[in-house]
Amino acid sequence: MQNNTTEKRVRRNVLLMGAAVLFVALAVVICLVLKDRQGSAKLFRIRFGSGTVAEYDAYESRTIVIHDGVIVDQATGEGEENVIRIENGAAWMEKATCPHHECMEQGALRADTVLKRPLGAWIICAPHGVSIEYVGGGE
């Protein structure tokens, strides 16, 4: 009888230790994810119109539409229009009505691409005078 009780105690202790190890491992993973997220792009600074500057957190998913130098709610596809997408620490020019769409071809801008891009921390639509700048701790 005593042997059975000892086995139960040992099993219970092993399960408790296993649960504690899993809890600590989960806490470490959460801390690492949050640290990594804070270490990447902090924000994107968008310049447009006659010197207007708007700043957006890199991790707040959003779409910004700039129509004839003003931020608007929806894209029309007419006039001078740029549609910028920000998601998961990256920003890119999703659509533009400029003639050659070079701004769209510049790809996503994020912390790990800044040093590899021809324009570094920038995406520029020269015909419309719209730019996206990465602002944050470089990697």
N, C-alpha and C. Protein backbone atom coordinates (compact mmCIF):
# COMPACT_ATOMS: atom_id res chain seq x y z
N MET A 1 0.81 -1.18 0.00
CA MET A 1 0.00 0.00 0.00
C MET A 1 0.86 1.26 0.00
N GLN A 2 1.93 1.22 0.80
CA GLN A 2 2.80 2.38 0.90
C GLN A 2 3.53 2.61 -0.42
N ASN A 3 3.88 1.56 -1.12
CA ASN A 3 4.55 1.65 -2.41
C ASN A 3 3.67 2.35 -3.43
N ASN A 4 2.38 2.05 -3.43
CA ASN A 4 1.41 2.66 -4.33
C ASN A 4 1.29 4.16 -4.06
N THR A 5 1.27 4.54 -2.78
CA THR A 5 1.18 5.95 -2.40
C THR A 5 2.43 6.70 -2.82
N THR A 6 3.58 6.09 -2.67
CA THR A 6 4.85 6.70 -3.07
C THR A 6 4.87 6.93 -4.57
N GLU A 7 4.41 5.96 -5.35
CA GLU A 7 4.36 6.10 -6.81
C GLU A 7 3.45 7.26 -7.22
N LYS A 8 2.32 7.39 -6.54
CA LYS A 8 1.39 8.48 -6.85
C LYS A 8 2.04 9.83 -6.56
N ARG A 9 2.74 9.91 -5.44
CA ARG A 9 3.42 11.14 -5.07
C ARG A 9 4.50 11.50 -6.09
N VAL A 10 5.25 10.49 -6.51
CA VAL A 10 6.31 10.72 -7.49
C VAL A 10 5.70 11.19 -8.81
N ARG A 11 4.65 10.53 -9.26
CA ARG A 11 3.96 10.93 -10.50
C ARG A 11 3.46 12.37 -10.41
N ARG A 12 2.83 12.68 -9.28
CA ARG A 12 2.31 14.03 -9.09
C ARG A 12 3.44 15.07 -9.13
N ASN A 13 4.55 14.76 -8.47
CA ASN A 13 5.68 15.67 -8.46
C ASN A 13 6.28 15.85 -9.87
N VAL A 14 6.36 14.77 -10.60
CA VAL A 14 6.89 14.84 -11.98
C VAL A 14 5.96 15.69 -12.85
N LEU A 15 4.66 15.49 -12.71
CA LEU A 15 3.70 16.29 -13.48
C LEU A 15 3.79 17.77 -13.11
N LEU A 16 3.91 18.07 -11.82
CA LEU A 16 4.04 19.46 -11.39
C LEU A 16 5.32 20.10 -11.92
N MET A 17 6.41 19.34 -11.88
CA MET A 17 7.68 19.87 -12.41
C MET A 17 7.58 20.09 -13.92
N GLY A 18 6.96 19.16 -14.61
CA GLY A 18 6.77 19.31 -16.06
C GLY A 18 5.93 20.54 -16.39
N ALA A 19 4.87 20.75 -15.62
CA ALA A 19 4.02 21.92 -15.84
C ALA A 19 4.80 23.21 -15.57
N ALA A 20 5.63 23.19 -14.54
CA ALA A 20 6.44 24.38 -14.22
C ALA A 20 7.43 24.67 -15.33
N VAL A 21 8.07 23.63 -15.86
CA VAL A 21 9.03 23.81 -16.97
C VAL A 21 8.31 24.36 -18.20
N LEU A 22 7.14 23.83 -18.52
CA LEU A 22 6.37 24.34 -19.66
C LEU A 22 5.98 25.80 -19.47
N PHE A 23 5.58 26.15 -18.25
CA PHE A 23 5.20 27.53 -17.95
C PHE A 23 6.38 28.47 -18.15
N VAL A 24 7.54 28.10 -17.65
CA VAL A 24 8.73 28.94 -17.80
C VAL A 24 9.12 29.05 -19.27
N ALA A 25 9.06 27.94 -20.01
CA ALA A 25 9.39 27.97 -21.44
C ALA A 25 8.45 28.88 -22.20
N LEU A 26 7.17 28.82 -21.89
CA LEU A 26 6.19 29.68 -22.54
C LEU A 26 6.46 31.15 -22.22
N ALA A 27 6.79 31.44 -20.98
CA ALA A 27 7.10 32.82 -20.59
C ALA A 27 8.31 33.34 -21.34
N VAL A 28 9.33 32.51 -21.50
CA VAL A 28 10.54 32.91 -22.23
C VAL A 28 10.20 33.19 -23.69
N VAL A 29 9.41 32.33 -24.31
CA VAL A 29 9.03 32.53 -25.72
C VAL A 29 8.25 33.83 -25.88
N ILE A 30 7.32 34.10 -25.00
CA ILE A 30 6.54 35.34 -25.08
C ILE A 30 7.45 36.55 -24.94
N CYS A 31 8.39 36.50 -24.01
CA CYS A 31 9.33 37.63 -23.83
C CYS A 31 10.17 37.84 -25.08
N LEU A 32 10.65 36.76 -25.69
CA LEU A 32 11.47 36.87 -26.89
C LEU A 32 10.68 37.45 -28.06
N VAL A 33 9.44 37.02 -28.21
CA VAL A 33 8.60 37.55 -29.29
C VAL A 33 8.36 39.04 -29.10
N LEU A 34 8.03 39.45 -27.88
CA LEU A 34 7.78 40.86 -27.61
C LEU A 34 9.05 41.68 -27.80
N LYS A 35 10.19 41.16 -27.38
CA LYS A 35 11.46 41.87 -27.55
C LYS A 35 11.78 42.03 -29.03
N ASP A 36 11.60 40.96 -29.82
CA ASP A 36 11.87 41.02 -31.25
C ASP A 36 10.97 42.04 -31.92
N ARG A 37 9.72 42.06 -31.53
CA ARG A 37 8.76 42.99 -32.12
C ARG A 37 9.14 44.43 -31.81
N GLN A 38 9.62 44.69 -30.61
CA GLN A 38 10.03 46.04 -30.25
C GLN A 38 11.34 46.41 -30.91
N GLY A 39 12.19 45.43 -31.23
CA GLY A 39 13.49 45.72 -31.82
C GLY A 39 13.41 45.99 -33.31
N SER A 40 12.32 45.66 -33.97
CA SER A 40 12.21 45.93 -35.38
C SER A 40 11.64 47.31 -35.61
N ALA A 41 11.10 47.50 -36.77
CA ALA A 41 10.61 48.83 -37.16
C ALA A 41 9.69 49.42 -36.12
N LYS A 42 9.96 50.64 -35.74
CA LYS A 42 9.10 51.32 -34.77
C LYS A 42 7.92 51.97 -35.48
N LEU A 43 8.22 52.72 -36.55
CA LEU A 43 7.14 53.40 -37.26
C LEU A 43 7.56 53.73 -38.68
N PHE A 44 6.58 54.13 -39.46
CA PHE A 44 6.81 54.60 -40.81
C PHE A 44 6.36 56.05 -40.89
N ARG A 45 7.20 56.88 -41.48
CA ARG A 45 6.89 58.30 -41.65
C ARG A 45 6.56 58.50 -43.13
N ILE A 46 5.38 59.02 -43.38
CA ILE A 46 4.92 59.24 -44.76
C ILE A 46 4.87 60.74 -45.01
N ARG A 47 5.50 61.16 -46.10
CA ARG A 47 5.49 62.56 -46.50
C ARG A 47 4.71 62.68 -47.80
N PHE A 48 3.88 63.72 -47.90
CA PHE A 48 3.06 63.90 -49.10
C PHE A 48 2.55 65.32 -49.14
N GLY A 49 1.88 65.65 -50.24
CA GLY A 49 1.29 66.99 -50.38
C GLY A 49 2.35 68.06 -50.28
N SER A 50 2.03 69.15 -49.67
CA SER A 50 2.97 70.26 -49.55
C SER A 50 3.72 70.18 -48.22
N GLY A 51 4.41 69.04 -48.01
CA GLY A 51 5.22 68.88 -46.80
C GLY A 51 4.50 68.24 -45.64
N THR A 52 3.33 67.69 -45.85
CA THR A 52 2.60 67.03 -44.78
C THR A 52 3.33 65.76 -44.36
N VAL A 53 3.40 65.51 -43.06
CA VAL A 53 4.05 64.32 -42.54
C VAL A 53 3.06 63.59 -41.63
N ALA A 54 2.95 62.29 -41.84
CA ALA A 54 2.11 61.45 -40.98
C ALA A 54 2.95 60.27 -40.53
N GLU A 55 2.83 59.88 -39.27
CA GLU A 55 3.58 58.75 -38.74
C GLU A 55 2.62 57.66 -38.28
N TYR A 56 3.00 56.40 -38.59
CA TYR A 56 2.15 55.26 -38.26
C TYR A 56 3.00 54.16 -37.61
N ASP A 57 2.45 53.56 -36.57
CA ASP A 57 3.10 52.43 -35.91
C ASP A 57 3.25 51.29 -36.92
N ALA A 58 4.41 50.67 -36.91
CA ALA A 58 4.71 49.61 -37.87
C ALA A 58 3.87 48.36 -37.67
N TYR A 59 3.29 48.19 -36.49
CA TYR A 59 2.53 46.97 -36.22
C TYR A 59 1.03 47.19 -36.13
N GLU A 60 0.57 48.36 -36.52
CA GLU A 60 -0.88 48.58 -36.62
C GLU A 60 -1.25 48.45 -38.08
N SER A 61 -1.88 47.35 -38.43
CA SER A 61 -2.25 47.11 -39.83
C SER A 61 -3.21 48.18 -40.31
N ARG A 62 -2.87 48.77 -41.44
CA ARG A 62 -3.72 49.82 -41.99
C ARG A 62 -3.41 50.04 -43.46
N THR A 63 -4.35 50.68 -44.12
CA THR A 63 -4.18 51.12 -45.50
C THR A 63 -4.36 52.63 -45.51
N ILE A 64 -3.40 53.33 -46.11
CA ILE A 64 -3.45 54.79 -46.20
C ILE A 64 -3.63 55.15 -47.67
N VAL A 65 -4.65 55.94 -47.96
CA VAL A 65 -4.89 56.39 -49.33
C VAL A 65 -4.61 57.88 -49.40
N ILE A 66 -3.69 58.26 -50.29
CA ILE A 66 -3.37 59.67 -50.50
C ILE A 66 -3.85 60.03 -51.89
N HIS A 67 -4.82 60.93 -51.94
CA HIS A 67 -5.43 61.34 -53.21
C HIS A 67 -5.20 62.84 -53.40
N ASP A 68 -4.49 63.18 -54.46
CA ASP A 68 -4.17 64.58 -54.76
C ASP A 68 -3.60 65.31 -53.54
N GLY A 69 -2.68 64.64 -52.83
CA GLY A 69 -1.97 65.27 -51.72
C GLY A 69 -2.71 65.32 -50.40
N VAL A 70 -3.82 64.57 -50.28
CA VAL A 70 -4.61 64.57 -49.05
C VAL A 70 -4.97 63.12 -48.70
N ILE A 71 -4.94 62.79 -47.41
CA ILE A 71 -5.37 61.45 -46.98
C ILE A 71 -6.88 61.38 -47.06
N VAL A 72 -7.38 60.34 -47.73
CA VAL A 72 -8.82 60.13 -47.88
C VAL A 72 -9.18 58.73 -47.42
N ASP A 73 -10.47 58.46 -47.33
CA ASP A 73 -10.95 57.16 -46.82
C ASP A 73 -10.84 56.03 -47.85
N GLN A 74 -11.11 56.34 -49.13
CA GLN A 74 -11.16 55.28 -50.14
C GLN A 74 -10.41 55.70 -51.40
N ALA A 75 -9.86 54.70 -52.06
CA ALA A 75 -9.19 54.93 -53.33
C ALA A 75 -10.23 55.06 -54.44
N THR A 76 -9.94 55.96 -55.39
CA THR A 76 -10.81 56.13 -56.54
C THR A 76 -10.15 55.65 -57.83
N GLY A 77 -8.80 55.59 -57.81
CA GLY A 77 -8.07 55.19 -59.01
C GLY A 77 -7.91 56.32 -59.99
N GLU A 78 -8.25 57.53 -59.59
CA GLU A 78 -8.15 58.70 -60.46
C GLU A 78 -7.22 59.73 -59.84
N GLY A 79 -6.79 60.68 -60.65
CA GLY A 79 -5.93 61.75 -60.15
C GLY A 79 -4.60 61.19 -59.68
N GLU A 80 -3.91 61.96 -58.84
CA GLU A 80 -2.66 61.49 -58.25
C GLU A 80 -3.01 60.71 -56.99
N GLU A 81 -2.87 59.41 -57.06
CA GLU A 81 -3.31 58.58 -55.94
C GLU A 81 -2.27 57.51 -55.61
N ASN A 82 -2.01 57.35 -54.32
CA ASN A 82 -1.13 56.30 -53.82
C ASN A 82 -1.85 55.57 -52.70
N VAL A 83 -1.74 54.25 -52.71
CA VAL A 83 -2.31 53.43 -51.65
C VAL A 83 -1.14 52.72 -50.98
N ILE A 84 -0.96 53.02 -49.69
CA ILE A 84 0.15 52.47 -48.91
C ILE A 84 -0.42 51.46 -47.92
N ARG A 85 0.24 50.32 -47.82
CA ARG A 85 -0.19 49.27 -46.88
C ARG A 85 0.88 49.10 -45.82
N ILE A 86 0.47 49.05 -44.55
CA ILE A 86 1.36 48.78 -43.42
C ILE A 86 0.82 47.55 -42.70
N GLU A 87 1.71 46.58 -42.50
CA GLU A 87 1.27 45.33 -41.86
C GLU A 87 2.48 44.57 -41.33
N ASN A 88 2.41 44.09 -40.10
CA ASN A 88 3.45 43.24 -39.50
C ASN A 88 4.86 43.81 -39.61
N GLY A 89 5.01 45.10 -39.40
CA GLY A 89 6.34 45.72 -39.42
C GLY A 89 6.85 46.05 -40.80
N ALA A 90 6.02 45.93 -41.81
CA ALA A 90 6.43 46.23 -43.19
C ALA A 90 5.48 47.25 -43.81
N ALA A 91 6.01 48.04 -44.74
CA ALA A 91 5.19 48.99 -45.48
C ALA A 91 5.54 48.86 -46.96
N TRP A 92 4.54 49.04 -47.81
CA TRP A 92 4.78 49.00 -49.25
C TRP A 92 3.73 49.83 -49.96
N MET A 93 4.07 50.21 -51.20
CA MET A 93 3.14 50.95 -52.05
C MET A 93 2.29 49.91 -52.76
N GLU A 94 1.05 49.80 -52.34
CA GLU A 94 0.16 48.77 -52.88
C GLU A 94 -0.35 49.14 -54.27
N LYS A 95 -0.73 50.41 -54.45
CA LYS A 95 -1.23 50.90 -55.75
C LYS A 95 -0.78 52.33 -55.93
N ALA A 96 -0.66 52.73 -57.18
CA ALA A 96 -0.34 54.12 -57.49
C ALA A 96 -0.79 54.42 -58.92
N THR A 97 -1.21 55.65 -59.15
CA THR A 97 -1.65 56.04 -60.49
C THR A 97 -0.53 56.74 -61.26
N CYS A 98 0.70 56.69 -60.75
CA CYS A 98 1.84 57.30 -61.45
C CYS A 98 2.11 56.50 -62.73
N PRO A 99 2.81 57.11 -63.70
CA PRO A 99 2.98 56.47 -65.01
C PRO A 99 3.72 55.13 -65.02
N HIS A 100 4.80 54.98 -64.26
CA HIS A 100 5.63 53.79 -64.40
C HIS A 100 5.58 52.83 -63.22
N HIS A 101 4.92 53.18 -62.15
CA HIS A 101 4.75 52.33 -60.97
C HIS A 101 6.06 51.87 -60.35
N GLU A 102 7.10 52.67 -60.48
CA GLU A 102 8.38 52.31 -59.89
C GLU A 102 8.29 52.21 -58.36
N CYS A 103 7.42 53.02 -57.77
CA CYS A 103 7.24 52.98 -56.31
C CYS A 103 6.67 51.63 -55.87
N MET A 104 5.83 51.04 -56.69
CA MET A 104 5.24 49.74 -56.36
C MET A 104 6.28 48.63 -56.52
N GLU A 105 7.22 48.81 -57.42
CA GLU A 105 8.23 47.80 -57.69
C GLU A 105 9.35 47.80 -56.65
N GLN A 106 9.36 48.77 -55.74
CA GLN A 106 10.42 48.85 -54.73
C GLN A 106 10.24 47.83 -53.62
N GLY A 107 9.11 47.17 -53.58
CA GLY A 107 8.89 46.10 -52.61
C GLY A 107 8.63 46.60 -51.19
N ALA A 108 8.59 45.65 -50.27
CA ALA A 108 8.28 45.96 -48.87
C ALA A 108 9.50 46.55 -48.17
N LEU A 109 9.22 47.51 -47.32
CA LEU A 109 10.23 48.18 -46.51
C LEU A 109 10.05 47.73 -45.07
N ARG A 110 11.09 47.14 -44.50
CA ARG A 110 11.05 46.71 -43.10
C ARG A 110 12.47 46.68 -42.57
N ALA A 111 12.61 46.47 -41.28
CA ALA A 111 13.90 46.57 -40.61
C ALA A 111 14.98 45.71 -41.27
N ASP A 112 14.65 44.49 -41.64
CA ASP A 112 15.67 43.59 -42.17
C ASP A 112 15.98 43.81 -43.65
N THR A 113 15.30 44.76 -44.31
CA THR A 113 15.61 45.03 -45.72
C THR A 113 16.26 46.39 -45.94
N VAL A 114 16.33 47.23 -44.92
CA VAL A 114 16.83 48.60 -45.07
C VAL A 114 18.21 48.63 -45.70
N LEU A 115 19.12 47.81 -45.23
CA LEU A 115 20.49 47.84 -45.74
C LEU A 115 20.64 47.18 -47.11
N LYS A 116 19.64 46.46 -47.56
CA LYS A 116 19.72 45.72 -48.83
C LYS A 116 19.02 46.44 -49.98
N ARG A 117 18.29 47.49 -49.68
CA ARG A 117 17.47 48.17 -50.69
C ARG A 117 18.26 49.27 -51.39
N PRO A 118 18.02 49.48 -52.68
CA PRO A 118 18.70 50.57 -53.39
C PRO A 118 18.44 51.95 -52.76
N LEU A 119 17.23 52.19 -52.26
CA LEU A 119 16.91 53.47 -51.64
C LEU A 119 16.97 53.41 -50.12
N GLY A 120 17.55 52.35 -49.58
CA GLY A 120 17.71 52.22 -48.13
C GLY A 120 16.39 52.23 -47.40
N ALA A 121 16.20 53.23 -46.54
CA ALA A 121 15.03 53.30 -45.67
C ALA A 121 13.84 54.01 -46.31
N TRP A 122 13.82 54.10 -47.62
CA TRP A 122 12.78 54.88 -48.30
C TRP A 122 12.09 54.11 -49.42
N ILE A 123 10.81 54.43 -49.61
CA ILE A 123 10.06 54.13 -50.83
C ILE A 123 9.60 55.48 -51.32
N ILE A 124 9.84 55.76 -52.60
CA ILE A 124 9.52 57.09 -53.13
C ILE A 124 8.70 56.99 -54.40
N CYS A 125 7.63 57.77 -54.44
CA CYS A 125 6.86 57.97 -55.66
C CYS A 125 7.14 59.41 -56.09
N ALA A 126 8.15 59.59 -56.92
CA ALA A 126 8.59 60.93 -57.32
C ALA A 126 7.51 61.72 -58.05
N PRO A 127 6.77 61.12 -59.00
CA PRO A 127 5.76 61.91 -59.71
C PRO A 127 4.69 62.53 -58.79
N HIS A 128 4.34 61.82 -57.71
CA HIS A 128 3.30 62.30 -56.81
C HIS A 128 3.86 62.99 -55.56
N GLY A 129 5.17 62.94 -55.39
CA GLY A 129 5.77 63.56 -54.21
C GLY A 129 5.39 62.86 -52.92
N VAL A 130 5.29 61.54 -52.97
CA VAL A 130 4.93 60.74 -51.80
C VAL A 130 6.13 59.87 -51.43
N SER A 131 6.45 59.83 -50.13
CA SER A 131 7.54 58.95 -49.70
C SER A 131 7.16 58.26 -48.40
N ILE A 132 7.72 57.08 -48.22
CA ILE A 132 7.57 56.30 -46.99
C ILE A 132 8.98 56.13 -46.45
N GLU A 133 9.17 56.47 -45.19
CA GLU A 133 10.48 56.33 -44.56
C GLU A 133 10.38 55.37 -43.38
N TYR A 134 11.29 54.44 -43.31
CA TYR A 134 11.39 53.55 -42.15
C TYR A 134 12.09 54.30 -41.04
N VAL A 135 11.51 54.32 -39.85
CA VAL A 135 12.11 54.98 -38.68
C VAL A 135 12.11 53.96 -37.55
N GLY A 136 13.29 53.55 -37.11
CA GLY A 136 13.37 52.57 -36.04
C GLY A 136 14.78 52.09 -35.89
N GLY A 137 14.97 51.11 -35.02
CA GLY A 137 16.29 50.54 -34.80
C GLY A 137 16.68 49.67 -35.97
N GLY A 138 17.73 50.00 -36.68
CA GLY A 138 18.17 49.23 -37.84
C GLY A 138 18.71 47.87 -37.43
N GLU A 139 18.60 46.94 -38.34
CA GLU A 139 19.11 45.59 -38.07
C GLU A 139 20.20 45.29 -39.06
